[in-house]
N, C-alpha and C. Protein backbone atom coordinates (compact mmCIF):
# COMPACT_ATOMS: atom_id res chain seq x y z
N MET A 1 0.84 -1.18 0.00
CA MET A 1 0.00 0.00 0.00
C MET A 1 0.89 1.24 0.00
N ALA A 2 0.71 2.10 -1.00
CA ALA A 2 1.51 3.31 -1.11
C ALA A 2 0.97 4.43 -0.22
N TYR A 3 -0.32 4.33 0.13
CA TYR A 3 -0.91 5.36 0.99
C TYR A 3 -2.06 4.76 1.77
N SER A 4 -2.35 5.37 2.91
CA SER A 4 -3.40 4.91 3.79
C SER A 4 -4.77 5.22 3.18
N GLU A 5 -5.53 4.18 2.90
CA GLU A 5 -6.89 4.35 2.38
C GLU A 5 -7.78 5.06 3.42
N GLU A 6 -7.52 4.78 4.69
CA GLU A 6 -8.30 5.42 5.76
C GLU A 6 -8.09 6.93 5.75
N LEU A 7 -6.83 7.36 5.66
CA LEU A 7 -6.54 8.79 5.61
C LEU A 7 -7.11 9.41 4.33
N ALA A 8 -7.00 8.70 3.22
CA ALA A 8 -7.54 9.21 1.96
C ALA A 8 -9.04 9.43 2.07
N GLU A 9 -9.74 8.52 2.72
CA GLU A 9 -11.18 8.66 2.88
C GLU A 9 -11.53 9.83 3.79
N ARG A 10 -10.74 10.05 4.82
CA ARG A 10 -10.97 11.21 5.70
C ARG A 10 -10.79 12.52 4.94
N VAL A 11 -9.75 12.59 4.12
CA VAL A 11 -9.51 13.79 3.32
C VAL A 11 -10.65 13.96 2.32
N ARG A 12 -11.02 12.90 1.65
CA ARG A 12 -12.12 12.93 0.69
C ARG A 12 -13.38 13.50 1.34
N SER A 13 -13.70 13.01 2.52
CA SER A 13 -14.89 13.47 3.25
C SER A 13 -14.77 14.94 3.63
N ALA A 14 -13.57 15.37 4.00
CA ALA A 14 -13.37 16.76 4.40
C ALA A 14 -13.52 17.72 3.22
N LEU A 15 -13.27 17.22 2.02
CA LEU A 15 -13.31 18.08 0.83
C LEU A 15 -14.60 17.95 0.04
N VAL A 16 -15.53 17.15 0.53
CA VAL A 16 -16.75 16.85 -0.22
C VAL A 16 -17.56 18.09 -0.58
N ASP A 17 -17.54 19.11 0.23
CA ASP A 17 -18.33 20.32 -0.03
C ASP A 17 -17.62 21.34 -0.92
N HIS A 18 -16.41 21.02 -1.36
CA HIS A 18 -15.64 21.97 -2.17
C HIS A 18 -15.78 21.62 -3.65
N ASN A 19 -15.90 22.63 -4.45
CA ASN A 19 -16.01 22.44 -5.89
C ASN A 19 -14.65 22.11 -6.49
N ALA A 20 -14.69 21.49 -7.62
CA ALA A 20 -13.49 21.25 -8.42
C ALA A 20 -12.40 20.50 -7.66
N VAL A 21 -12.77 19.40 -7.00
CA VAL A 21 -11.79 18.54 -6.34
C VAL A 21 -11.47 17.39 -7.28
N GLU A 22 -10.19 17.18 -7.51
CA GLU A 22 -9.75 16.11 -8.39
C GLU A 22 -8.69 15.30 -7.66
N GLU A 23 -8.77 14.00 -7.77
CA GLU A 23 -7.77 13.11 -7.17
C GLU A 23 -6.79 12.65 -8.23
N LYS A 24 -5.51 12.72 -7.89
CA LYS A 24 -4.46 12.27 -8.81
C LYS A 24 -3.46 11.42 -8.04
N LYS A 25 -3.10 10.31 -8.63
CA LYS A 25 -2.04 9.51 -8.05
C LYS A 25 -0.72 10.12 -8.50
N MET A 26 0.07 10.54 -7.53
CA MET A 26 1.38 11.13 -7.84
C MET A 26 2.27 11.07 -6.60
N MET A 27 3.55 11.15 -6.82
CA MET A 27 4.55 11.15 -5.75
C MET A 27 4.39 9.96 -4.81
N GLY A 28 4.00 8.82 -5.34
CA GLY A 28 3.86 7.62 -4.53
C GLY A 28 2.65 7.63 -3.62
N GLY A 29 1.72 8.51 -3.87
CA GLY A 29 0.53 8.58 -3.03
C GLY A 29 -0.65 9.12 -3.81
N LEU A 30 -1.56 9.74 -3.11
CA LEU A 30 -2.76 10.31 -3.70
C LEU A 30 -2.80 11.79 -3.39
N THR A 31 -2.97 12.61 -4.41
CA THR A 31 -3.00 14.06 -4.23
C THR A 31 -4.40 14.57 -4.55
N PHE A 32 -4.88 15.47 -3.72
CA PHE A 32 -6.17 16.10 -3.93
C PHE A 32 -5.92 17.51 -4.44
N MET A 33 -6.37 17.74 -5.67
CA MET A 33 -6.26 19.05 -6.30
C MET A 33 -7.58 19.78 -6.06
N VAL A 34 -7.52 21.01 -5.63
CA VAL A 34 -8.71 21.83 -5.43
C VAL A 34 -8.56 23.05 -6.33
N ASN A 35 -9.54 23.26 -7.19
CA ASN A 35 -9.49 24.35 -8.17
C ASN A 35 -8.22 24.30 -9.02
N GLY A 36 -7.80 23.07 -9.36
CA GLY A 36 -6.64 22.90 -10.22
C GLY A 36 -5.31 23.09 -9.54
N LYS A 37 -5.32 23.21 -8.20
CA LYS A 37 -4.07 23.45 -7.45
C LYS A 37 -3.88 22.36 -6.40
N MET A 38 -2.64 21.92 -6.24
CA MET A 38 -2.34 20.91 -5.22
C MET A 38 -2.71 21.47 -3.85
N CYS A 39 -3.45 20.68 -3.07
CA CYS A 39 -3.93 21.17 -1.78
C CYS A 39 -3.51 20.23 -0.65
N VAL A 40 -3.95 18.97 -0.73
CA VAL A 40 -3.68 17.97 0.30
C VAL A 40 -3.33 16.67 -0.39
N GLY A 41 -2.47 15.91 0.23
CA GLY A 41 -2.13 14.60 -0.31
C GLY A 41 -2.03 13.58 0.80
N VAL A 42 -2.03 12.32 0.41
CA VAL A 42 -1.84 11.23 1.35
C VAL A 42 -0.66 10.42 0.85
N HIS A 43 0.33 10.26 1.70
CA HIS A 43 1.54 9.51 1.37
C HIS A 43 1.85 8.59 2.53
N LYS A 44 1.78 7.31 2.28
CA LYS A 44 1.96 6.30 3.32
C LYS A 44 1.00 6.57 4.48
N GLU A 45 1.50 6.83 5.66
CA GLU A 45 0.66 7.07 6.84
C GLU A 45 0.70 8.54 7.26
N GLU A 46 0.80 9.42 6.27
CA GLU A 46 0.87 10.86 6.54
C GLU A 46 -0.01 11.59 5.53
N ILE A 47 -0.41 12.80 5.91
CA ILE A 47 -0.99 13.68 4.91
C ILE A 47 0.04 14.76 4.60
N MET A 48 -0.04 15.27 3.39
CA MET A 48 0.79 16.38 2.96
C MET A 48 -0.15 17.55 2.79
N CYS A 49 0.19 18.68 3.37
CA CYS A 49 -0.62 19.89 3.23
C CYS A 49 0.22 20.97 2.58
N ARG A 50 -0.35 21.60 1.57
CA ARG A 50 0.29 22.77 0.97
C ARG A 50 -0.27 23.98 1.70
N ILE A 51 0.61 24.67 2.40
CA ILE A 51 0.18 25.78 3.25
C ILE A 51 0.94 27.05 2.90
N ASP A 52 0.48 28.15 3.44
CA ASP A 52 1.15 29.43 3.25
C ASP A 52 2.56 29.34 3.82
N PRO A 53 3.58 29.55 3.00
CA PRO A 53 4.96 29.48 3.51
C PRO A 53 5.21 30.42 4.69
N ASP A 54 4.48 31.52 4.74
CA ASP A 54 4.65 32.47 5.85
C ASP A 54 4.10 31.93 7.16
N ARG A 55 3.28 30.90 7.10
CA ARG A 55 2.72 30.30 8.32
C ARG A 55 3.38 28.96 8.66
N GLN A 56 4.36 28.57 7.87
CA GLN A 56 4.98 27.26 8.05
C GLN A 56 5.66 27.10 9.41
N ASP A 57 6.44 28.06 9.83
CA ASP A 57 7.16 27.93 11.10
C ASP A 57 6.18 27.74 12.26
N GLU A 58 5.11 28.49 12.25
CA GLU A 58 4.07 28.37 13.28
C GLU A 58 3.42 26.98 13.22
N ALA A 59 3.09 26.53 12.02
CA ALA A 59 2.43 25.23 11.85
C ALA A 59 3.32 24.07 12.27
N LEU A 60 4.61 24.20 12.04
CA LEU A 60 5.54 23.11 12.38
C LEU A 60 5.71 22.92 13.88
N LYS A 61 5.15 23.79 14.68
CA LYS A 61 5.17 23.61 16.14
C LYS A 61 4.13 22.59 16.58
N LYS A 62 3.22 22.24 15.68
CA LYS A 62 2.18 21.25 15.98
C LYS A 62 2.79 19.86 16.01
N PRO A 63 2.33 19.01 16.94
CA PRO A 63 2.87 17.65 17.04
C PRO A 63 2.69 16.86 15.75
N GLY A 64 3.70 16.07 15.42
CA GLY A 64 3.62 15.16 14.29
C GLY A 64 3.83 15.79 12.93
N SER A 65 4.21 17.06 12.89
CA SER A 65 4.41 17.73 11.60
C SER A 65 5.90 17.85 11.29
N ARG A 66 6.19 17.88 10.00
CA ARG A 66 7.57 18.06 9.55
C ARG A 66 7.54 18.62 8.13
N VAL A 67 8.61 19.25 7.74
CA VAL A 67 8.73 19.81 6.39
C VAL A 67 8.79 18.66 5.39
N MET A 68 8.10 18.82 4.29
CA MET A 68 8.17 17.82 3.22
C MET A 68 9.55 17.88 2.60
N ASN A 69 10.14 16.70 2.43
CA ASN A 69 11.49 16.62 1.91
C ASN A 69 11.59 15.33 1.09
N PHE A 70 11.28 15.41 -0.19
CA PHE A 70 11.34 14.23 -1.05
C PHE A 70 12.71 14.03 -1.66
N THR A 71 13.36 15.10 -2.01
CA THR A 71 14.59 15.01 -2.81
C THR A 71 15.84 15.38 -2.03
N GLY A 72 15.72 15.51 -0.73
CA GLY A 72 16.86 15.96 0.07
C GLY A 72 16.86 17.46 0.24
N LYS A 73 15.90 18.13 -0.40
CA LYS A 73 15.78 19.58 -0.27
C LYS A 73 14.40 19.89 0.31
N PRO A 74 14.36 20.51 1.50
CA PRO A 74 13.06 20.86 2.09
C PRO A 74 12.24 21.75 1.16
N MET A 75 10.95 21.51 1.12
CA MET A 75 10.06 22.27 0.25
C MET A 75 9.22 23.22 1.11
N ARG A 76 9.51 24.48 1.02
CA ARG A 76 8.80 25.50 1.80
C ARG A 76 7.33 25.53 1.38
N GLY A 77 6.46 25.53 2.37
CA GLY A 77 5.03 25.57 2.11
C GLY A 77 4.39 24.20 1.96
N PHE A 78 5.16 23.14 2.11
CA PHE A 78 4.64 21.78 2.05
C PHE A 78 5.02 21.07 3.34
N VAL A 79 4.02 20.53 4.03
CA VAL A 79 4.23 19.93 5.34
C VAL A 79 3.61 18.54 5.39
N PHE A 80 4.34 17.60 5.95
CA PHE A 80 3.80 16.27 6.24
C PHE A 80 3.30 16.24 7.67
N VAL A 81 2.19 15.54 7.91
CA VAL A 81 1.64 15.38 9.25
C VAL A 81 1.32 13.90 9.43
N SER A 82 1.82 13.31 10.51
CA SER A 82 1.63 11.88 10.75
C SER A 82 0.18 11.54 11.09
N ALA A 83 -0.22 10.33 10.73
CA ALA A 83 -1.58 9.86 11.03
C ALA A 83 -1.84 9.88 12.53
N LYS A 84 -0.82 9.58 13.31
CA LYS A 84 -0.97 9.57 14.77
C LYS A 84 -1.37 10.95 15.28
N ALA A 85 -0.81 12.00 14.69
CA ALA A 85 -1.12 13.37 15.11
C ALA A 85 -2.50 13.81 14.62
N LEU A 86 -3.11 13.02 13.74
CA LEU A 86 -4.40 13.38 13.14
C LEU A 86 -5.56 12.60 13.72
N LYS A 87 -5.32 11.82 14.76
CA LYS A 87 -6.39 11.02 15.39
C LYS A 87 -7.49 11.93 15.91
N ASN A 88 -7.11 13.04 16.50
CA ASN A 88 -8.05 14.02 17.02
C ASN A 88 -8.66 14.78 15.84
N GLU A 89 -9.98 14.84 15.79
CA GLU A 89 -10.67 15.50 14.67
C GLU A 89 -10.33 16.98 14.57
N ASN A 90 -10.13 17.65 15.70
CA ASN A 90 -9.75 19.07 15.68
C ASN A 90 -8.39 19.27 15.03
N ALA A 91 -7.46 18.38 15.33
CA ALA A 91 -6.13 18.46 14.73
C ALA A 91 -6.21 18.22 13.22
N PHE A 92 -6.98 17.22 12.83
CA PHE A 92 -7.17 16.92 11.40
C PHE A 92 -7.76 18.14 10.69
N ASN A 93 -8.81 18.71 11.26
CA ASN A 93 -9.48 19.86 10.65
C ASN A 93 -8.57 21.08 10.57
N TYR A 94 -7.69 21.25 11.56
CA TYR A 94 -6.73 22.36 11.53
C TYR A 94 -5.91 22.31 10.24
N TRP A 95 -5.37 21.14 9.94
CA TRP A 95 -4.51 21.00 8.77
C TRP A 95 -5.27 21.15 7.47
N ILE A 96 -6.46 20.56 7.39
CA ILE A 96 -7.27 20.68 6.18
C ILE A 96 -7.64 22.15 5.95
N ASP A 97 -8.07 22.83 7.01
CA ASP A 97 -8.44 24.24 6.90
C ASP A 97 -7.25 25.11 6.48
N LEU A 98 -6.08 24.83 7.04
CA LEU A 98 -4.89 25.60 6.69
C LEU A 98 -4.57 25.43 5.20
N ALA A 99 -4.68 24.21 4.70
CA ALA A 99 -4.41 23.95 3.29
C ALA A 99 -5.46 24.61 2.39
N LEU A 100 -6.71 24.55 2.79
CA LEU A 100 -7.78 25.16 1.99
C LEU A 100 -7.68 26.69 1.96
N LYS A 101 -7.29 27.28 3.07
CA LYS A 101 -7.13 28.74 3.11
C LYS A 101 -6.04 29.19 2.15
N TYR A 102 -4.94 28.46 2.11
CA TYR A 102 -3.87 28.83 1.19
C TYR A 102 -4.28 28.56 -0.25
N ASN A 103 -4.98 27.46 -0.46
CA ASN A 103 -5.44 27.12 -1.80
C ASN A 103 -6.31 28.23 -2.39
N ALA A 104 -7.09 28.89 -1.54
CA ALA A 104 -7.99 29.93 -2.01
C ALA A 104 -7.25 31.17 -2.52
N VAL A 105 -6.02 31.39 -2.08
CA VAL A 105 -5.30 32.60 -2.47
C VAL A 105 -4.08 32.36 -3.36
N VAL A 106 -3.57 31.14 -3.39
CA VAL A 106 -2.38 30.87 -4.19
C VAL A 106 -2.75 30.81 -5.67
N LYS A 107 -1.85 31.28 -6.50
CA LYS A 107 -2.07 31.24 -7.94
C LYS A 107 -1.73 29.84 -8.46
N PRO A 108 -2.41 29.40 -9.50
CA PRO A 108 -2.09 28.09 -10.08
C PRO A 108 -0.67 28.08 -10.64
N SER A 109 -0.06 26.92 -10.62
CA SER A 109 1.28 26.78 -11.21
C SER A 109 1.17 26.98 -12.71
N LYS A 110 2.22 27.51 -13.29
CA LYS A 110 2.24 27.66 -14.74
C LYS A 110 2.44 26.30 -15.38
N ASN A 111 1.81 26.08 -16.49
CA ASN A 111 1.95 24.82 -17.21
C ASN A 111 3.39 24.73 -17.70
N ARG A 112 4.06 23.65 -17.37
CA ARG A 112 5.49 23.52 -17.68
C ARG A 112 5.75 22.94 -19.07
N ARG A 113 4.71 22.69 -19.80
CA ARG A 113 4.91 22.11 -21.15
C ARG A 113 5.29 23.15 -22.15
């Protein structure tokens, strides 16, 4: 299993009321695109949240969070959060809300083709 189906279902349920949600398998997991922009993902037993880089230091003080680092280079504005830290519904909602707030204001990536 490349990603937790349980976490994926929780994210799916949290995003059900949002328009233009698309699921894509990428980066060894499942990514949820909202309005054509990467928002939340599930990778193994963690979720990945794309958040405002200016709020990253504050967010990383939360238990179970760490900077996303796929290639040996930390990615500012992308945070992994462990499933264990997401057991509490308030904690889970905090991360989903943080990702959705940034998604609402961030510009879409330019097409690289």
